[in-house]
Amino acid sequence: MVDIAERPTRLAAAAAPPAPVDAPAPASRLLGLGGRALHRTAALLALAAVWETAPRAGLVDRVFLPPLSEVLGAWGQLLRSGQLADHVGASLTRSLTGLGLAVLTAIPLGLLIGWYRPLAELLSPLLEVFRNTAALALLPVFVLILGLGETSKIALVLYACSWPILLNTVAGVKGVDPLLVRSARSMGLDHLRLFQKVILPGAVPTIFTGVRLAGAYSILVLVAAEMVGAKAGLGYLINYAQYNFAIPDMYAGIITISAIGLVVNQLLVAVERRFSTWRVDVTA
């Protein structure tokens, strides 16, 4: 038999909310962040380990591939002397100027070509001719017309960066879901509002893919251009170090180019996330 007086106590105990679960400790959060950072950098750490041990073990000739520690030492010397800053500043000025001009010209043109079919039919043959012409193949033309100064290098970067941005912008406009376009038209949106509210947001991810490709092209093409008729820049540094057999300095310049490309790509990814917050990540 259960005493009637005990029932309210049992009912109150059963209705009581469960005890709150303690939040994870700061140490657990730090361990989680450290694990994710290690997972993201594991491949780079493995490459660094192979680069350091292979020359020391005699697997490769350390004259032509010095250990990573020697390359980093040469990189530090270039940084302390101020040479690296001068070369990086010259290269970034040229590449960012060319990339910025490409963004300002290629995105509006790509939006117009993708949105207006008559303009696309008019310019399509011309675009097909120039898109298949390599930028470095036109380097002598730019040098002959614009000289060996900064103008020819910036123009070459502008030319190389314009095509991935332009083509991806056109593809982004044409790749918008037709169902969204028909739904917006059925709601009474005019052409301007349709372009502003549906077409442009839907094309943003593809446009930024082109911008990220152009960011890589701006550095790669510029390095090749700086090896011809330049007195400063990372391409000049690599070429000068090769001729003088300063192999660690040459690899230091290559590492700097890779680091700059990585930073530029991450900045563009952050900007893309800012302008496409509506996207949902479906990766596992």
Protein backbone atom coordinates (compact mmCIF):
# COMPACT_ATOMS: atom_id res chain seq x y z
CA MET A 1 0.00 0.00 0.00
CA VAL A 2 1.24 3.45 -0.89
CA ASP A 3 0.52 6.27 1.49
CA ILE A 4 -1.61 8.97 -0.10
CA ALA A 5 0.57 11.63 1.53
CA GLU A 6 3.58 10.44 -0.46
CA ARG A 7 1.90 10.93 -3.86
CA PRO A 8 2.40 14.74 -4.15
CA THR A 9 6.07 14.30 -3.27
CA ARG A 10 6.56 11.62 -5.93
CA LEU A 11 4.62 13.62 -8.50
CA ALA A 12 6.71 16.70 -7.79
CA ALA A 13 9.88 14.67 -8.12
CA ALA A 14 8.70 13.20 -11.42
CA ALA A 15 7.75 16.63 -12.77
CA ALA A 16 11.05 18.23 -11.76
CA PRO A 17 13.20 19.17 -14.79
CA PRO A 18 16.35 17.16 -15.39
CA ALA A 19 19.59 18.51 -14.05
CA PRO A 20 21.41 20.74 -16.54
CA VAL A 21 24.30 19.16 -18.37
CA ASP A 22 27.59 20.87 -17.73
CA ALA A 23 28.99 22.79 -20.68
CA PRO A 24 32.20 21.44 -22.15
CA ALA A 25 35.29 22.71 -20.39
CA PRO A 26 37.56 25.24 -22.12
CA ALA A 27 40.24 22.57 -22.26
CA SER A 28 37.95 20.36 -24.35
CA ARG A 29 37.27 23.22 -26.74
CA LEU A 30 40.99 23.88 -27.10
CA LEU A 31 41.61 20.20 -27.78
CA GLY A 32 38.90 20.21 -30.42
CA LEU A 33 40.33 23.28 -32.13
CA GLY A 34 43.81 21.79 -31.98
CA GLY A 35 42.58 18.55 -33.51
CA ARG A 36 40.89 20.37 -36.38
CA ALA A 37 43.98 22.52 -36.99
CA LEU A 38 46.18 19.43 -37.03
CA HIS A 39 43.82 17.69 -39.44
CA ARG A 40 43.89 20.67 -41.82
CA THR A 41 47.69 21.01 -41.75
CA ALA A 42 48.63 17.32 -41.71
CA ALA A 43 49.45 17.21 -45.43
CA LEU A 44 51.60 20.35 -45.22
CA LEU A 45 53.46 19.01 -42.20
CA ALA A 46 54.10 15.74 -44.04
CA LEU A 47 55.45 17.64 -47.05
CA ALA A 48 57.71 19.72 -44.80
CA ALA A 49 59.02 16.57 -43.11
CA VAL A 50 59.79 14.91 -46.45
CA TRP A 51 61.46 18.07 -47.73
CA GLU A 52 63.67 18.25 -44.64
CA THR A 53 64.67 14.60 -44.44
CA ALA A 54 65.06 13.64 -48.12
CA PRO A 55 68.10 15.90 -48.81
CA ARG A 56 69.73 14.99 -45.50
CA ALA A 57 69.26 11.28 -46.15
CA GLY A 58 70.84 11.58 -49.59
CA LEU A 59 67.67 10.68 -51.47
CA VAL A 60 68.04 13.88 -53.54
CA ASP A 61 71.00 16.13 -54.20
CA ARG A 62 70.91 18.82 -51.51
CA VAL A 63 72.71 21.22 -53.84
CA PHE A 64 69.63 21.42 -56.04
CA LEU A 65 67.07 20.76 -53.29
CA PRO A 66 68.41 22.02 -49.95
CA PRO A 67 66.64 21.06 -46.72
CA LEU A 68 63.66 23.11 -45.73
CA SER A 69 65.51 24.54 -42.72
CA GLU A 70 68.15 26.09 -45.02
CA VAL A 71 65.44 27.53 -47.25
CA LEU A 72 63.67 29.06 -44.25
CA GLY A 73 67.00 30.47 -43.06
CA ALA A 74 67.51 32.12 -46.46
CA TRP A 75 63.92 33.40 -46.30
CA GLY A 76 64.65 34.97 -42.92
CA GLN A 77 67.80 36.65 -44.23
CA LEU A 78 65.87 38.11 -47.18
CA LEU A 79 63.20 39.34 -44.79
CA ARG A 80 65.68 40.97 -42.40
CA SER A 81 67.56 42.68 -45.21
CA GLY A 82 64.33 44.17 -46.59
CA GLN A 83 64.77 42.63 -50.04
CA LEU A 84 61.81 40.31 -49.62
CA ALA A 85 59.49 43.15 -48.64
CA ASP A 86 60.53 45.16 -51.69
CA HIS A 87 59.96 42.24 -54.08
CA VAL A 88 56.63 41.28 -52.47
CA GLY A 89 55.44 44.90 -52.57
CA ALA A 90 56.28 45.25 -56.26
CA SER A 91 54.55 41.97 -57.18
CA LEU A 92 51.45 42.62 -55.08
CA THR A 93 51.03 46.10 -56.52
CA ARG A 94 51.08 44.76 -60.07
CA SER A 95 48.95 41.68 -59.45
CA LEU A 96 46.29 43.37 -57.32
CA THR A 97 46.01 46.28 -59.75
CA GLY A 98 45.51 43.91 -62.68
CA LEU A 99 43.09 41.73 -60.72
CA GLY A 100 41.07 44.73 -59.55
CA LEU A 101 40.76 46.10 -63.06
CA ALA A 102 39.71 42.67 -64.30
CA VAL A 103 36.98 42.43 -61.66
CA LEU A 104 35.70 45.94 -62.49
CA THR A 105 35.52 45.25 -66.22
CA ALA A 106 34.83 41.52 -66.60
CA ILE A 107 31.96 41.14 -64.12
CA PRO A 108 29.72 43.87 -65.63
CA LEU A 109 30.52 42.65 -69.14
CA GLY A 110 29.79 39.05 -68.17
CA LEU A 111 26.47 40.05 -66.60
CA LEU A 112 25.47 41.87 -69.78
CA ILE A 113 26.52 38.98 -72.03
CA GLY A 114 24.73 36.43 -69.90
CA TRP A 115 21.56 38.50 -69.58
CA TYR A 116 21.16 39.84 -73.13
CA ARG A 117 21.17 37.14 -75.79
CA PRO A 118 21.75 39.48 -78.80
CA LEU A 119 24.94 40.80 -77.18
CA ALA A 120 26.09 37.24 -76.47
CA GLU A 121 25.52 36.21 -80.08
CA LEU A 122 27.44 39.26 -81.28
CA LEU A 123 30.49 38.84 -79.05
CA SER A 124 30.65 35.04 -78.85
CA PRO A 125 32.97 34.52 -81.87
CA LEU A 126 35.36 37.20 -80.65
CA LEU A 127 35.43 35.78 -77.15
CA GLU A 128 36.13 32.29 -78.44
CA VAL A 129 39.16 33.59 -80.36
CA PHE A 130 40.76 35.39 -77.43
CA ARG A 131 39.88 32.91 -74.69
CA ASN A 132 41.98 30.26 -76.44
CA THR A 133 45.01 32.55 -76.73
CA ALA A 134 47.39 32.02 -73.82
CA ALA A 135 48.34 35.15 -71.92
CA LEU A 136 52.05 34.34 -71.91
CA ALA A 137 51.97 33.91 -75.68
CA LEU A 138 50.98 37.58 -75.87
CA LEU A 139 53.77 38.75 -73.55
CA PRO A 140 56.01 39.87 -76.47
CA VAL A 141 53.07 41.79 -77.93
CA PHE A 142 52.41 43.62 -74.66
CA VAL A 143 56.13 44.41 -74.30
CA LEU A 144 56.38 45.73 -77.86
CA ILE A 145 53.28 47.91 -77.56
CA LEU A 146 53.49 49.04 -73.93
CA GLY A 147 57.21 48.70 -73.21
CA LEU A 148 59.07 46.99 -70.37
CA GLY A 149 57.56 49.14 -67.63
CA GLU A 150 54.72 48.55 -65.22
CA THR A 151 52.00 49.11 -67.81
CA SER A 152 52.78 45.99 -69.81
CA LYS A 153 52.86 43.78 -66.71
CA ILE A 154 49.59 45.12 -65.33
CA ALA A 155 47.97 44.80 -68.76
CA LEU A 156 49.11 41.19 -69.02
CA VAL A 157 47.64 40.40 -65.60
CA LEU A 158 44.43 42.17 -66.59
CA TYR A 159 44.17 40.09 -69.75
CA ALA A 160 44.87 36.80 -67.96
CA CYS A 161 42.43 37.49 -65.12
CA SER A 162 39.59 38.75 -67.26
CA TRP A 163 38.78 35.44 -68.92
CA PRO A 164 38.02 33.23 -65.91
CA ILE A 165 35.95 36.03 -64.37
CA LEU A 166 34.10 36.77 -67.60
CA LEU A 167 33.34 33.17 -68.52
CA ASN A 168 32.26 32.20 -65.00
CA THR A 169 30.04 35.27 -64.77
CA VAL A 170 28.31 34.37 -68.04
CA ALA A 171 27.94 30.75 -66.87
CA GLY A 172 26.57 31.90 -63.51
CA VAL A 173 23.89 34.07 -65.10
CA LYS A 174 22.85 31.35 -67.54
CA GLY A 175 22.92 28.69 -64.82
CA VAL A 176 20.29 30.25 -62.57
CA ASP A 177 17.42 27.87 -61.91
CA PRO A 178 14.69 28.56 -64.52
CA LEU A 179 12.04 27.68 -61.98
CA LEU A 180 13.15 30.60 -59.81
CA VAL A 181 13.04 32.93 -62.80
CA ARG A 182 9.52 31.81 -63.79
CA SER A 183 8.32 32.11 -60.19
CA ALA A 184 9.72 35.63 -59.90
CA ARG A 185 8.08 36.66 -63.18
CA SER A 186 4.77 35.22 -62.07
CA MET A 187 4.97 37.43 -58.99
CA GLY A 188 5.17 40.51 -61.20
CA LEU A 189 8.86 41.39 -60.93
CA ASP A 190 10.12 43.59 -63.74
CA HIS A 191 13.44 42.96 -65.51
CA LEU A 192 15.49 45.14 -63.19
CA ARG A 193 14.08 43.64 -59.98
CA LEU A 194 14.34 40.14 -61.43
CA PHE A 195 18.00 40.71 -62.20
CA GLN A 196 18.66 42.26 -58.79
CA LYS A 197 16.76 39.76 -56.64
CA VAL A 198 17.15 36.46 -58.52
CA ILE A 199 19.77 36.47 -61.25
CA LEU A 200 22.60 38.27 -59.48
CA PRO A 201 22.36 36.38 -56.13
CA GLY A 202 22.11 33.07 -57.98
CA ALA A 203 25.23 33.86 -60.03
CA VAL A 204 27.39 35.02 -57.11
CA PRO A 205 28.94 31.61 -56.26
CA THR A 206 29.99 30.99 -59.85
CA ILE A 207 31.30 34.53 -60.19
CA PHE A 208 33.48 34.11 -57.12
CA THR A 209 34.81 30.85 -58.50
CA GLY A 210 36.08 32.84 -61.46
CA VAL A 211 37.51 35.53 -59.18
CA ARG A 212 39.40 32.91 -57.17
CA LEU A 213 40.81 31.40 -60.36
CA ALA A 214 41.79 34.88 -61.51
CA GLY A 215 43.54 35.49 -58.19
CA ALA A 216 45.77 32.49 -58.85
CA TYR A 217 46.35 33.55 -62.45
CA SER A 218 47.32 37.06 -61.38
CA ILE A 219 50.29 35.74 -59.44
CA LEU A 220 51.36 32.98 -61.82
CA VAL A 221 51.28 35.12 -64.95
CA LEU A 222 52.96 38.03 -63.21
CA VAL A 223 55.87 35.88 -62.01
CA ALA A 224 56.52 34.78 -65.58
CA ALA A 225 56.28 38.39 -66.80
CA GLU A 226 58.68 39.60 -64.11
CA MET A 227 61.33 37.23 -65.38
CA VAL A 228 61.56 39.41 -68.51
CA GLY A 229 62.69 43.01 -68.14
CA ALA A 230 61.90 43.53 -64.46
CA LYS A 231 64.15 44.91 -61.72
CA ALA A 232 61.95 43.99 -58.78
CA GLY A 233 59.34 41.39 -57.95
CA LEU A 234 59.21 37.77 -56.91
CA GLY A 235 59.69 36.56 -60.48
CA TYR A 236 62.83 38.69 -60.73
CA LEU A 237 64.04 37.33 -57.37
CA ILE A 238 63.60 33.71 -58.48
CA ASN A 239 65.25 34.30 -61.84
CA TYR A 240 68.15 36.26 -60.31
CA ALA A 241 68.72 33.61 -57.64
CA GLN A 242 68.76 30.86 -60.28
CA TYR A 243 71.35 32.65 -62.42
CA ASN A 244 73.58 33.26 -59.39
CA PHE A 245 73.05 29.71 -58.10
CA ALA A 246 71.54 30.97 -54.85
CA ILE A 247 69.26 27.96 -54.64
CA PRO A 248 67.91 28.60 -51.10
CA ASP A 249 66.91 32.13 -52.14
CA MET A 250 65.16 30.71 -55.21
CA TYR A 251 63.09 28.32 -53.10
CA ALA A 252 62.39 31.11 -50.61
CA GLY A 253 60.82 33.11 -53.42
CA ILE A 254 58.75 30.11 -54.51
CA ILE A 255 57.50 29.55 -50.95
CA THR A 256 56.57 33.23 -50.71
CA ILE A 257 54.52 32.98 -53.90
CA SER A 258 52.68 29.92 -52.55
CA ALA A 259 51.96 31.68 -49.25
CA ILE A 260 50.63 34.78 -51.01
CA GLY A 261 48.40 32.64 -53.21
CA LEU A 262 47.04 30.84 -50.17
CA VAL A 263 46.29 34.09 -48.34
CA VAL A 264 44.61 35.65 -51.37
CA ASN A 265 42.46 32.55 -51.86
CA GLN A 266 41.35 32.52 -48.22
CA LEU A 267 40.46 36.22 -48.37
CA LEU A 268 38.37 35.63 -51.48
CA VAL A 269 36.65 32.65 -49.80
CA ALA A 270 35.76 34.89 -46.83
CA VAL A 271 34.34 37.55 -49.16
CA GLU A 272 32.36 34.88 -51.02
CA ARG A 273 30.82 33.65 -47.78
CA ARG A 274 29.88 37.23 -46.93
CA PHE A 275 28.01 37.70 -50.20
CA SER A 276 26.41 34.23 -50.31
CA THR A 277 25.20 33.67 -46.76
CA TRP A 278 22.04 32.02 -48.14
CA ARG A 279 23.97 28.97 -49.34
CA VAL A 280 23.77 25.70 -47.40
CA ASP A 281 26.84 23.49 -47.02
CA VAL A 282 25.85 19.94 -48.01
CA THR A 283 29.27 18.32 -47.57
CA ALA A 284 29.52 15.53 -45.05
